[in-house]
Amino acid sequence: MLSIVSIRDPHIAGQKLVVPVFGVNGSVVREIELPEVFYCPIRKDVINRAFLSAFTAMLQPKGRNPLAGKRTTARYWGVGYGLARVPRLPDGTARFVVSARKGHIAFPPRPDRRIHEEVNKRERVLAIVSALAATSRIDLVKARGHVFSCEKLPVVVDGSVESAVSRTREAKEYLQKIGVWSDIVRSYERIRIRAGKGKMRGRRYVEPVSVLFILSDYTAPFAKAVRNFPGVDIATPNNLGVLHLAPGGVPGRLTVISLPALEELAMKYEVRFIE
């Protein structure tokens, strides 16, 4: 259990966040109040910092050999030759300097450069809690560009859906009933070829993110049915991070949560509010 001390979001002070629970057939079976974690304020600065930490942790350090372009016997001749004052070989060929053939590169990338931004554990947890709360703010979800027809967010589905919906065709029909399929269509229509050299390096296509599914198990039939939809990510409460909840460091991702996963999140992140 990870405990966070915070204040209630003043924008929803005095309100109760009640969302419907969708059953296997796509109809509302009951309503529940969201856990305390969804009442936290949205700290965009902390979310962005935690995102940069998680993103830079995946980067591989790269750089030139420190002696590249410098392994030469060329020496500076001195003045009086009517030539540029650069190191030269005995035959007069310029070497070593940036402007010379086979010279070293100016300001090359360094393999010892610090590229990982570190954050404290409590700060990272606060970012996850804040990004999780942002999934219930319709204005933030729409600001990210998501398209949906739900009246309340996040979309909560009953635990039986994880085992009842096992085929991709069934999953498509179910997502149409609960009002999030249009966002997957948006992601599919916006798949495009990347600009630049990345298209030649295994990153040819850019696929916008769409729906995030937070389920209790990766191996659930429902998870296997939706995992190949464009832009879809699947997470569990144990590995949920800022990269899932706030791609690009921008909070407010359209999220579908199963009821068992929601209860597990409420147990994992305990929030105590200062009144």
C-alpha atoms as a PDB file:
ATOM      1  CA  MET A   1       0.000   0.000   0.000  1.00  0.00           C
ATOM      2  CA  LEU A   2       1.337   3.414  -1.023  1.00  0.00           C
ATOM      3  CA  SER A   3       0.073   6.311   1.080  1.00  0.00           C
ATOM      4  CA  ILE A   4      -0.229   9.900  -0.146  1.00  0.00           C
ATOM      5  CA  VAL A   5      -1.215  12.969   1.878  1.00  0.00           C
ATOM      6  CA  SER A   6      -2.948  15.575  -0.247  1.00  0.00           C
ATOM      7  CA  ILE A   7      -5.758  18.099  -0.411  1.00  0.00           C
ATOM      8  CA  ARG A   8      -8.989  17.598  -2.280  1.00  0.00           C
ATOM      9  CA  ASP A   9      -9.209  19.039  -5.750  1.00  0.00           C
ATOM     10  CA  PRO A  10     -10.954  22.401  -5.279  1.00  0.00           C
ATOM     11  CA  HIS A  11     -12.605  22.066  -8.705  1.00  0.00           C
ATOM     12  CA  ILE A  12     -14.720  19.144  -7.472  1.00  0.00           C
ATOM     13  CA  ALA A  13     -15.141  20.221  -3.857  1.00  0.00           C
ATOM     14  CA  GLY A  14     -18.376  18.945  -2.391  1.00  0.00           C
ATOM     15  CA  GLN A  15     -19.093  16.672  -5.367  1.00  0.00           C
ATOM     16  CA  LYS A  16     -19.380  12.909  -5.498  1.00  0.00           C
ATOM     17  CA  LEU A  17     -17.827  11.183  -8.473  1.00  0.00           C
ATOM     18  CA  VAL A  18     -20.405   8.521  -9.323  1.00  0.00           C
ATOM     19  CA  VAL A  19     -19.965   6.455 -12.480  1.00  0.00           C
ATOM     20  CA  PRO A  20     -22.051   3.638 -14.010  1.00  0.00           C
ATOM     21  CA  VAL A  21     -20.836   0.048 -14.193  1.00  0.00           C
ATOM     22  CA  PHE A  22     -21.427  -1.650 -17.542  1.00  0.00           C
ATOM     23  CA  GLY A  23     -22.347  -5.310 -17.622  1.00  0.00           C
ATOM     24  CA  VAL A  24     -21.589  -8.022 -20.156  1.00  0.00           C
ATOM     25  CA  ASN A  25     -24.365  -6.939 -22.519  1.00  0.00           C
ATOM     26  CA  GLY A  26     -23.246  -3.281 -22.480  1.00  0.00           C
ATOM     27  CA  SER A  27     -26.050  -1.990 -20.286  1.00  0.00           C
ATOM     28  CA  VAL A  28     -25.673  -0.246 -16.926  1.00  0.00           C
ATOM     29  CA  VAL A  29     -26.061  -2.711 -14.064  1.00  0.00           C
ATOM     30  CA  ARG A  30     -25.406  -0.306 -11.179  1.00  0.00           C
ATOM     31  CA  GLU A  31     -23.584   2.839 -10.100  1.00  0.00           C
ATOM     32  CA  ILE A  32     -20.579   3.220  -7.800  1.00  0.00           C
ATOM     33  CA  GLU A  33     -18.638   6.077  -6.285  1.00  0.00           C
ATOM     34  CA  LEU A  34     -15.037   6.330  -7.390  1.00  0.00           C
ATOM     35  CA  PRO A  35     -12.315   5.740  -4.766  1.00  0.00           C
ATOM     36  CA  GLU A  36     -10.562   8.556  -2.922  1.00  0.00           C
ATOM     37  CA  VAL A  37      -7.657   8.505  -5.368  1.00  0.00           C
ATOM     38  CA  PHE A  38      -9.847  10.179  -8.016  1.00  0.00           C
ATOM     39  CA  TYR A  39     -10.400  13.227  -5.795  1.00  0.00           C
ATOM     40  CA  CYS A  40      -6.745  14.274  -5.885  1.00  0.00           C
ATOM     41  CA  PRO A  41      -5.750  17.540  -7.600  1.00  0.00           C
ATOM     42  CA  ILE A  42      -4.190  17.376 -11.057  1.00  0.00           C
ATOM     43  CA  ARG A  43      -0.483  18.232 -10.744  1.00  0.00           C
ATOM     44  CA  LYS A  44       0.609  18.631 -14.370  1.00  0.00           C
ATOM     45  CA  ASP A  45       4.114  19.685 -13.337  1.00  0.00           C
ATOM     46  CA  VAL A  46       4.685  16.522 -11.289  1.00  0.00           C
ATOM     47  CA  ILE A  47       3.150  14.351 -14.020  1.00  0.00           C
ATOM     48  CA  ASN A  48       5.436  15.822 -16.668  1.00  0.00           C
ATOM     49  CA  ARG A  49       8.514  15.354 -14.494  1.00  0.00           C
ATOM     50  CA  ALA A  50       7.648  11.724 -13.726  1.00  0.00           C
ATOM     51  CA  PHE A  51       6.977  11.092 -17.420  1.00  0.00           C
ATOM     52  CA  LEU A  52      10.406  12.446 -18.380  1.00  0.00           C
ATOM     53  CA  SER A  53      11.979  10.209 -15.742  1.00  0.00           C
ATOM     54  CA  ALA A  54      10.238   7.096 -17.042  1.00  0.00           C
ATOM     55  CA  PHE A  55      10.857   8.005 -20.681  1.00  0.00           C
ATOM     56  CA  THR A  56      14.554   8.809 -20.317  1.00  0.00           C
ATOM     57  CA  ALA A  57      15.085   5.574 -18.373  1.00  0.00           C
ATOM     58  CA  MET A  58      14.430   3.718 -21.646  1.00  0.00           C
ATOM     59  CA  LEU A  59      17.026   5.660 -23.645  1.00  0.00           C
ATOM     60  CA  GLN A  60      20.290   3.912 -24.460  1.00  0.00           C
ATOM     61  CA  PRO A  61      23.446   6.019 -24.005  1.00  0.00           C
ATOM     62  CA  LYS A  62      25.330   6.497 -27.245  1.00  0.00           C
ATOM     63  CA  GLY A  63      28.421   8.392 -28.364  1.00  0.00           C
ATOM     64  CA  ARG A  64      31.636   8.409 -30.354  1.00  0.00           C
ATOM     65  CA  ASN A  65      34.936   6.939 -29.291  1.00  0.00           C
ATOM     66  CA  PRO A  66      36.732   9.784 -27.470  1.00  0.00           C
ATOM     67  CA  LEU A  67      39.774   9.283 -29.733  1.00  0.00           C
ATOM     68  CA  ALA A  68      37.840   9.088 -33.022  1.00  0.00           C
ATOM     69  CA  GLY A  69      39.526  11.359 -35.567  1.00  0.00           C
ATOM     70  CA  LYS A  70      42.406  12.056 -33.194  1.00  0.00           C
ATOM     71  CA  ARG A  71      44.583   8.998 -33.865  1.00  0.00           C
ATOM     72  CA  THR A  72      47.084  10.713 -36.130  1.00  0.00           C
ATOM     73  CA  THR A  73      50.757  11.676 -36.209  1.00  0.00           C
ATOM     74  CA  ALA A  74      49.945  15.089 -37.681  1.00  0.00           C
ATOM     75  CA  ARG A  75      51.681  17.995 -35.973  1.00  0.00           C
ATOM     76  CA  TYR A  76      51.485  21.761 -36.302  1.00  0.00           C
ATOM     77  CA  TRP A  77      54.310  22.972 -38.513  1.00  0.00           C
ATOM     78  CA  GLY A  78      54.392  26.574 -37.365  1.00  0.00           C
ATOM     79  CA  VAL A  79      54.283  29.758 -39.414  1.00  0.00           C
ATOM     80  CA  GLY A  80      56.054  30.692 -42.599  1.00  0.00           C
ATOM     81  CA  TYR A  81      54.677  28.066 -44.992  1.00  0.00           C
ATOM     82  CA  GLY A  82      51.774  30.045 -46.462  1.00  0.00           C
ATOM     83  CA  LEU A  83      49.356  27.339 -45.254  1.00  0.00           C
ATOM     84  CA  ALA A  84      46.558  27.209 -42.737  1.00  0.00           C
ATOM     85  CA  ARG A  85      47.835  26.726 -39.211  1.00  0.00           C
ATOM     86  CA  VAL A  86      46.412  23.222 -38.636  1.00  0.00           C
ATOM     87  CA  PRO A  87      48.123  19.920 -37.784  1.00  0.00           C
ATOM     88  CA  ARG A  88      49.586  18.313 -40.908  1.00  0.00           C
ATOM     89  CA  LEU A  89      51.228  15.068 -41.941  1.00  0.00           C
ATOM     90  CA  PRO A  90      54.758  15.120 -43.377  1.00  0.00           C
ATOM     91  CA  ASP A  91      53.262  15.277 -46.896  1.00  0.00           C
ATOM     92  CA  GLY A  92      51.265  18.409 -45.980  1.00  0.00           C
ATOM     93  CA  THR A  93      47.837  16.752 -45.622  1.00  0.00           C
ATOM     94  CA  ALA A  94      45.710  18.393 -42.920  1.00  0.00           C
ATOM     95  CA  ARG A  95      44.398  16.156 -40.163  1.00  0.00           C
ATOM     96  CA  PHE A  96      42.785  16.237 -36.686  1.00  0.00           C
ATOM     97  CA  VAL A  97      40.757  19.466 -36.992  1.00  0.00           C
ATOM     98  CA  VAL A  98      37.016  19.467 -37.633  1.00  0.00           C
ATOM     99  CA  SER A  99      37.321  21.025 -41.096  1.00  0.00           C
ATOM    100  CA  ALA A 100      39.877  18.478 -42.335  1.00  0.00           C
ATOM    101  CA  ARG A 101      39.224  15.158 -44.004  1.00  0.00           C
ATOM    102  CA  LYS A 102      39.305  12.305 -41.461  1.00  0.00           C
ATOM    103  CA  GLY A 103      39.201  14.893 -38.674  1.00  0.00           C
ATOM    104  CA  HIS A 104      37.177  14.541 -35.484  1.00  0.00           C
ATOM    105  CA  ILE A 105      33.519  15.616 -35.227  1.00  0.00           C
ATOM    106  CA  ALA A 106      32.719  18.898 -33.506  1.00  0.00           C
ATOM    107  CA  PHE A 107      30.875  18.338 -30.219  1.00  0.00           C
ATOM    108  CA  PRO A 108      29.939  14.665 -30.755  1.00  0.00           C
ATOM    109  CA  PRO A 109      27.427  12.896 -28.474  1.00  0.00           C
ATOM    110  CA  ARG A 110      29.095  11.636 -25.308  1.00  0.00           C
ATOM    111  CA  PRO A 111      28.396   8.161 -23.900  1.00  0.00           C
ATOM    112  CA  ASP A 112      28.881   9.446 -20.343  1.00  0.00           C
ATOM    113  CA  ARG A 113      26.226  12.136 -20.671  1.00  0.00           C
ATOM    114  CA  ARG A 114      23.499  12.023 -18.015  1.00  0.00           C
ATOM    115  CA  ILE A 115      20.232  11.438 -19.850  1.00  0.00           C
ATOM    116  CA  HIS A 116      18.068   9.906 -17.102  1.00  0.00           C
ATOM    117  CA  GLU A 117      16.073  12.324 -14.978  1.00  0.00           C
ATOM    118  CA  GLU A 118      15.562  10.804 -11.551  1.00  0.00           C
ATOM    119  CA  VAL A 119      12.595  11.492  -9.282  1.00  0.00           C
ATOM    120  CA  ASN A 120      11.813  10.507  -5.728  1.00  0.00           C
ATOM    121  CA  LYS A 121       9.568   7.525  -5.118  1.00  0.00           C
ATOM    122  CA  ARG A 122       6.901   9.601  -3.361  1.00  0.00           C
ATOM    123  CA  GLU A 123       6.937  12.109  -6.209  1.00  0.00           C
ATOM    124  CA  ARG A 124       6.467   9.302  -8.718  1.00  0.00           C
ATOM    125  CA  VAL A 125       3.537   7.890  -6.760  1.00  0.00           C
ATOM    126  CA  LEU A 126       1.980  11.358  -6.555  1.00  0.00           C
ATOM    127  CA  ALA A 127       2.277  11.643 -10.332  1.00  0.00           C
ATOM    128  CA  ILE A 128       0.544   8.287 -10.854  1.00  0.00           C
ATOM    129  CA  VAL A 129      -2.259   9.229  -8.458  1.00  0.00           C
ATOM    130  CA  SER A 130      -2.682  12.617 -10.116  1.00  0.00           C
ATOM    131  CA  ALA A 131      -2.685  11.118 -13.623  1.00  0.00           C
ATOM    132  CA  LEU A 132      -5.186   8.502 -12.503  1.00  0.00           C
ATOM    133  CA  ALA A 133      -7.480  11.226 -11.173  1.00  0.00           C
ATOM    134  CA  ALA A 134      -7.197  13.053 -14.507  1.00  0.00           C
ATOM    135  CA  THR A 135      -8.871  10.117 -16.277  1.00  0.00           C
ATOM    136  CA  SER A 136     -12.161  11.163 -14.629  1.00  0.00           C
ATOM    137  CA  ARG A 137     -12.027  14.777 -15.904  1.00  0.00           C
ATOM    138  CA  ILE A 138     -13.946  14.972 -19.176  1.00  0.00           C
ATOM    139  CA  ASP A 139     -12.420  18.332 -20.109  1.00  0.00           C
ATOM    140  CA  LEU A 140      -8.869  16.956 -19.839  1.00  0.00           C
ATOM    141  CA  VAL A 141      -9.743  13.815 -21.799  1.00  0.00           C
ATOM    142  CA  LYS A 142     -11.282  15.864 -24.607  1.00  0.00           C
ATOM    143  CA  ALA A 143      -8.277  18.211 -24.580  1.00  0.00           C
ATOM    144  CA  ARG A 144      -6.062  15.226 -25.431  1.00  0.00           C
ATOM    145  CA  GLY A 145      -8.162  14.675 -28.571  1.00  0.00           C
ATOM    146  CA  HIS A 146     -10.035  11.542 -27.517  1.00  0.00           C
ATOM    147  CA  VAL A 147     -13.433  10.912 -29.120  1.00  0.00           C
ATOM    148  CA  PHE A 148     -16.116   9.185 -27.061  1.00  0.00           C
ATOM    149  CA  SER A 149     -19.828   9.267 -26.270  1.00  0.00           C
ATOM    150  CA  CYS A 150     -19.657   8.476 -22.551  1.00  0.00           C
ATOM    151  CA  GLU A 151     -21.261  10.887 -20.128  1.00  0.00           C
ATOM    152  CA  LYS A 152     -19.012   9.978 -17.206  1.00  0.00           C
ATOM    153  CA  LEU A 153     -15.398   8.856 -16.980  1.00  0.00           C
ATOM    154  CA  PRO A 154     -13.539   6.627 -16.443  1.00  0.00           C
ATOM    155  CA  VAL A 155     -15.535   3.819 -18.029  1.00  0.00           C
ATOM    156  CA  VAL A 156     -15.989   1.049 -15.468  1.00  0.00           C
ATOM    157  CA  VAL A 157     -16.956  -2.448 -16.587  1.00  0.00           C
ATOM    158  CA  ASP A 158     -18.023  -5.390 -14.477  1.00  0.00           C
ATOM    159  CA  GLY A 159     -15.476  -8.047 -13.625  1.00  0.00           C
ATOM    160  CA  SER A 160     -17.399 -10.697 -15.591  1.00  0.00           C
ATOM    161  CA  VAL A 161     -16.571  -8.850 -18.817  1.00  0.00           C
ATOM    162  CA  GLU A 162     -12.921  -9.950 -18.556  1.00  0.00           C
ATOM    163  CA  SER A 163     -13.904 -13.571 -19.081  1.00  0.00           C
ATOM    164  CA  ALA A 164     -17.144 -13.210 -21.077  1.00  0.00           C
ATOM    165  CA  VAL A 165     -15.767 -11.172 -24.007  1.00  0.00           C
ATOM    166  CA  SER A 166     -13.098 -13.330 -25.661  1.00  0.00           C
ATOM    167  CA  ARG A 167     -13.213 -12.565 -29.394  1.00  0.00           C
ATOM    168  CA  THR A 168     -12.168  -9.413 -31.212  1.00  0.00           C
ATOM    169  CA  ARG A 169     -15.525  -9.135 -32.975  1.00  0.00           C
ATOM    170  CA  GLU A 170     -17.317  -9.341 -29.643  1.00  0.00           C
ATOM    171  CA  ALA A 171     -14.950  -6.768 -28.165  1.00  0.00           C
ATOM    172  CA  LYS A 172     -15.687  -4.341 -31.017  1.00  0.00           C
ATOM    173  CA  GLU A 173     -19.441  -4.666 -30.486  1.00  0.00           C
ATOM    174  CA  TYR A 174     -19.011  -4.223 -26.742  1.00  0.00           C
ATOM    175  CA  LEU A 175     -16.859  -1.102 -27.083  1.00  0.00           C
ATOM    176  CA  GLN A 176     -19.455   0.361 -29.428  1.00  0.00           C
ATOM    177  CA  LYS A 177     -22.131  -0.158 -26.773  1.00  0.00           C
ATOM    178  CA  ILE A 178     -20.151   1.547 -23.997  1.00  0.00           C
ATOM    179  CA  GLY A 179     -19.155   4.453 -26.266  1.00  0.00           C
ATOM    180  CA  VAL A 180     -15.362   4.234 -26.721  1.00  0.00           C
ATOM    181  CA  TRP A 181     -15.026   2.529 -30.115  1.00  0.00           C
ATOM    182  CA  SER A 182     -14.989   5.870 -31.950  1.00  0.00           C
ATOM    183  CA  ASP A 183     -11.636   6.702 -30.333  1.00  0.00           C
ATOM    184  CA  ILE A 184     -10.077   3.527 -31.725  1.00  0.00           C
ATOM    185  CA  VAL A 185     -11.406   4.491 -35.161  1.00  0.00           C
ATOM    186  CA  ARG A 186      -9.778   7.919 -34.722  1.00  0.00           C
ATOM    187  CA  SER A 187      -6.445   6.270 -33.968  1.00  0.00           C
ATOM    188  CA  TYR A 188      -6.740   3.994 -37.008  1.00  0.00           C
ATOM    189  CA  GLU A 189      -7.546   6.865 -39.364  1.00  0.00           C
ATOM    190  CA  ARG A 190      -4.576   8.905 -38.158  1.00  0.00           C
ATOM    191  CA  ILE A 191      -1.886   6.250 -38.608  1.00  0.00           C
ATOM    192  CA  ARG A 192       0.726   7.884 -40.823  1.00  0.00           C
ATOM    193  CA  ILE A 193       4.294   7.508 -42.053  1.00  0.00           C
ATOM    194  CA  ARG A 194       6.864   9.135 -39.825  1.00  0.00           C
ATOM    195  CA  ALA A 195       8.741  12.174 -41.102  1.00  0.00           C
ATOM    196  CA  GLY A 196      12.524  11.876 -41.089  1.00  0.00           C
ATOM    197  CA  LYS A 197      15.048   9.055 -41.038  1.00  0.00           C
ATOM    198  CA  GLY A 198      13.159   7.130 -38.362  1.00  0.00           C
ATOM    199  CA  LYS A 199      11.095   5.534 -41.125  1.00  0.00           C
ATOM    200  CA  MET A 200      14.237   3.665 -42.192  1.00  0.00           C
ATOM    201  CA  ARG A 201      15.075   2.496 -38.668  1.00  0.00           C
ATOM    202  CA  GLY A 202      12.123   0.335 -37.721  1.00  0.00           C
ATOM    203  CA  ARG A 203       9.867   3.222 -36.713  1.00  0.00           C
ATOM    204  CA  ARG A 204       8.113   3.752 -40.028  1.00  0.00           C
ATOM    205  CA  TYR A 205       4.587   4.421 -38.765  1.00  0.00           C
ATOM    206  CA  VAL A 206       3.208   6.750 -36.104  1.00  0.00           C
ATOM    207  CA  GLU A 207       0.142   5.382 -34.313  1.00  0.00           C
ATOM    208  CA  PRO A 208      -1.796   7.738 -32.017  1.00  0.00           C
ATOM    209  CA  VAL A 209      -2.731   6.354 -28.614  1.00  0.00           C
ATOM    210  CA  SER A 210      -6.377   5.543 -27.975  1.00  0.00           C
ATOM    211  CA  VAL A 211      -7.995   3.647 -25.097  1.00  0.00           C
ATOM    212  CA  LEU A 212      -6.140   2.411 -22.017  1.00  0.00           C
ATOM    213  CA  PHE A 213      -7.538  -0.795 -20.501  1.00  0.00           C
ATOM    214  CA  ILE A 214      -6.736  -1.387 -16.837  1.00  0.00           C
ATOM    215  CA  LEU A 215      -7.584  -5.022 -16.147  1.00  0.00           C
ATOM    216  CA  SER A 216      -6.841  -7.432 -13.356  1.00  0.00           C
ATOM    217  CA  ASP A 217      -4.861  -9.847 -15.550  1.00  0.00           C
ATOM    218  CA  TYR A 218      -2.942  -9.707 -18.830  1.00  0.00           C
ATOM    219  CA  THR A 219      -4.062 -13.202 -19.765  1.00  0.00           C
ATOM    220  CA  ALA A 220      -7.779 -12.463 -19.426  1.00  0.00           C
ATOM    221  CA  PRO A 221      -9.786 -13.233 -22.586  1.00  0.00           C
ATOM    222  CA  PHE A 222     -10.939  -9.618 -22.811  1.00  0.00           C
ATOM    223  CA  ALA A 223      -7.322  -8.428 -22.740  1.00  0.00           C
ATOM    224  CA  LYS A 224      -6.410 -10.729 -25.633  1.00  0.00           C
ATOM    225  CA  ALA A 225      -9.470  -9.556 -27.582  1.00  0.00           C
ATOM    226  CA  VAL A 226      -8.603  -5.834 -27.458  1.00  0.00           C
ATOM    227  CA  ARG A 227      -4.800  -5.832 -27.403  1.00  0.00           C
ATOM    228  CA  ASN A 228      -4.407  -5.533 -31.202  1.00  0.00           C
ATOM    229  CA  PHE A 229      -6.711  -2.553 -31.664  1.00  0.00           C
ATOM    230  CA  PRO A 230      -4.902   0.603 -32.879  1.00  0.00           C
ATOM    231  CA  GLY A 231      -3.422   2.713 -30.091  1.00  0.00           C
ATOM    232  CA  VAL A 232      -4.656   0.440 -27.302  1.00  0.00           C
ATOM    233  CA  ASP A 233      -2.560  -0.254 -24.197  1.00  0.00           C
ATOM    234  CA  ILE A 234      -3.273  -2.809 -21.491  1.00  0.00           C
ATOM    235  CA  ALA A 235      -2.076  -2.389 -17.922  1.00  0.00           C
ATOM    236  CA  THR A 236      -2.665  -3.976 -14.539  1.00  0.00           C
ATOM    237  CA  PRO A 237      -2.729  -2.213 -11.166  1.00  0.00           C
ATOM    238  CA  ASN A 238       0.701  -3.656 -10.382  1.00  0.00           C
ATOM    239  CA  ASN A 239       2.503  -2.133 -13.377  1.00  0.00           C
ATOM    240  CA  LEU A 240       0.399   0.973 -14.024  1.00  0.00           C
ATOM    241  CA  GLY A 241       2.620   4.004 -14.638  1.00  0.00           C
ATOM    242  CA  VAL A 242       2.696   7.518 -15.980  1.00  0.00           C
ATOM    243  CA  LEU A 243       3.641   6.244 -19.440  1.00  0.00           C
ATOM    244  CA  HIS A 244       0.231   4.550 -19.580  1.00  0.00           C
ATOM    245  CA  LEU A 245      -1.864   7.274 -17.964  1.00  0.00           C
ATOM    246  CA  ALA A 246      -0.216  10.377 -19.471  1.00  0.00           C
ATOM    247  CA  PRO A 247       1.477   9.669 -22.810  1.00  0.00           C
ATOM    248  CA  GLY A 248       3.770  12.520 -23.708  1.00  0.00           C
ATOM    249  CA  GLY A 249       3.391  13.887 -20.180  1.00  0.00           C
ATOM    250  CA  VAL A 250      -0.164  15.106 -20.927  1.00  0.00           C
ATOM    251  CA  PRO A 251      -2.775  13.777 -18.439  1.00  0.00           C
ATOM    252  CA  GLY A 252      -6.328  12.794 -19.302  1.00  0.00           C
ATOM    253  CA  ARG A 253      -6.209   9.518 -21.246  1.00  0.00           C
ATOM    254  CA  LEU A 254      -9.459   7.764 -22.106  1.00  0.00           C
ATOM    255  CA  THR A 255      -9.508   4.771 -19.766  1.00  0.00           C
ATOM    256  CA  VAL A 256     -11.595   1.633 -19.324  1.00  0.00           C
ATOM    257  CA  ILE A 257     -11.219  -0.014 -15.899  1.00  0.00           C
ATOM    258  CA  SER A 258     -12.612  -3.320 -14.756  1.00  0.00           C
ATOM    259  CA  LEU A 259     -14.225  -3.359 -11.338  1.00  0.00           C
ATOM    260  CA  PRO A 260     -11.697  -5.782  -9.753  1.00  0.00           C
ATOM    261  CA  ALA A 261      -8.836  -3.617 -11.037  1.00  0.00           C
ATOM    262  CA  LEU A 262     -10.510  -0.490  -9.644  1.00  0.00           C
ATOM    263  CA  GLU A 263     -10.815  -2.080  -6.216  1.00  0.00           C
ATOM    264  CA  GLU A 264      -7.174  -3.149  -6.368  1.00  0.00           C
ATOM    265  CA  LEU A 265      -6.108   0.401  -7.266  1.00  0.00           C
ATOM    266  CA  ALA A 266      -8.080   1.762  -4.306  1.00  0.00           C
ATOM    267  CA  MET A 267      -6.235  -0.634  -1.998  1.00  0.00           C
ATOM    268  CA  LYS A 268      -2.821   0.084  -3.524  1.00  0.00           C
ATOM    269  CA  TYR A 269      -2.995   3.880  -3.405  1.00  0.00           C
ATOM    270  CA  GLU A 270      -4.311   5.117  -0.083  1.00  0.00           C
ATOM    271  CA  VAL A 271      -4.989   8.865  -0.053  1.00  0.00           C
ATOM    272  CA  ARG A 272      -5.440  10.864   3.145  1.00  0.00           C
ATOM    273  CA  PHE A 273      -6.859  14.321   2.612  1.00  0.00           C
ATOM    274  CA  ILE A 274      -6.043  17.379   4.688  1.00  0.00           C
ATOM    275  CA  GLU A 275      -9.303  19.174   5.402  1.00  0.00           C
END
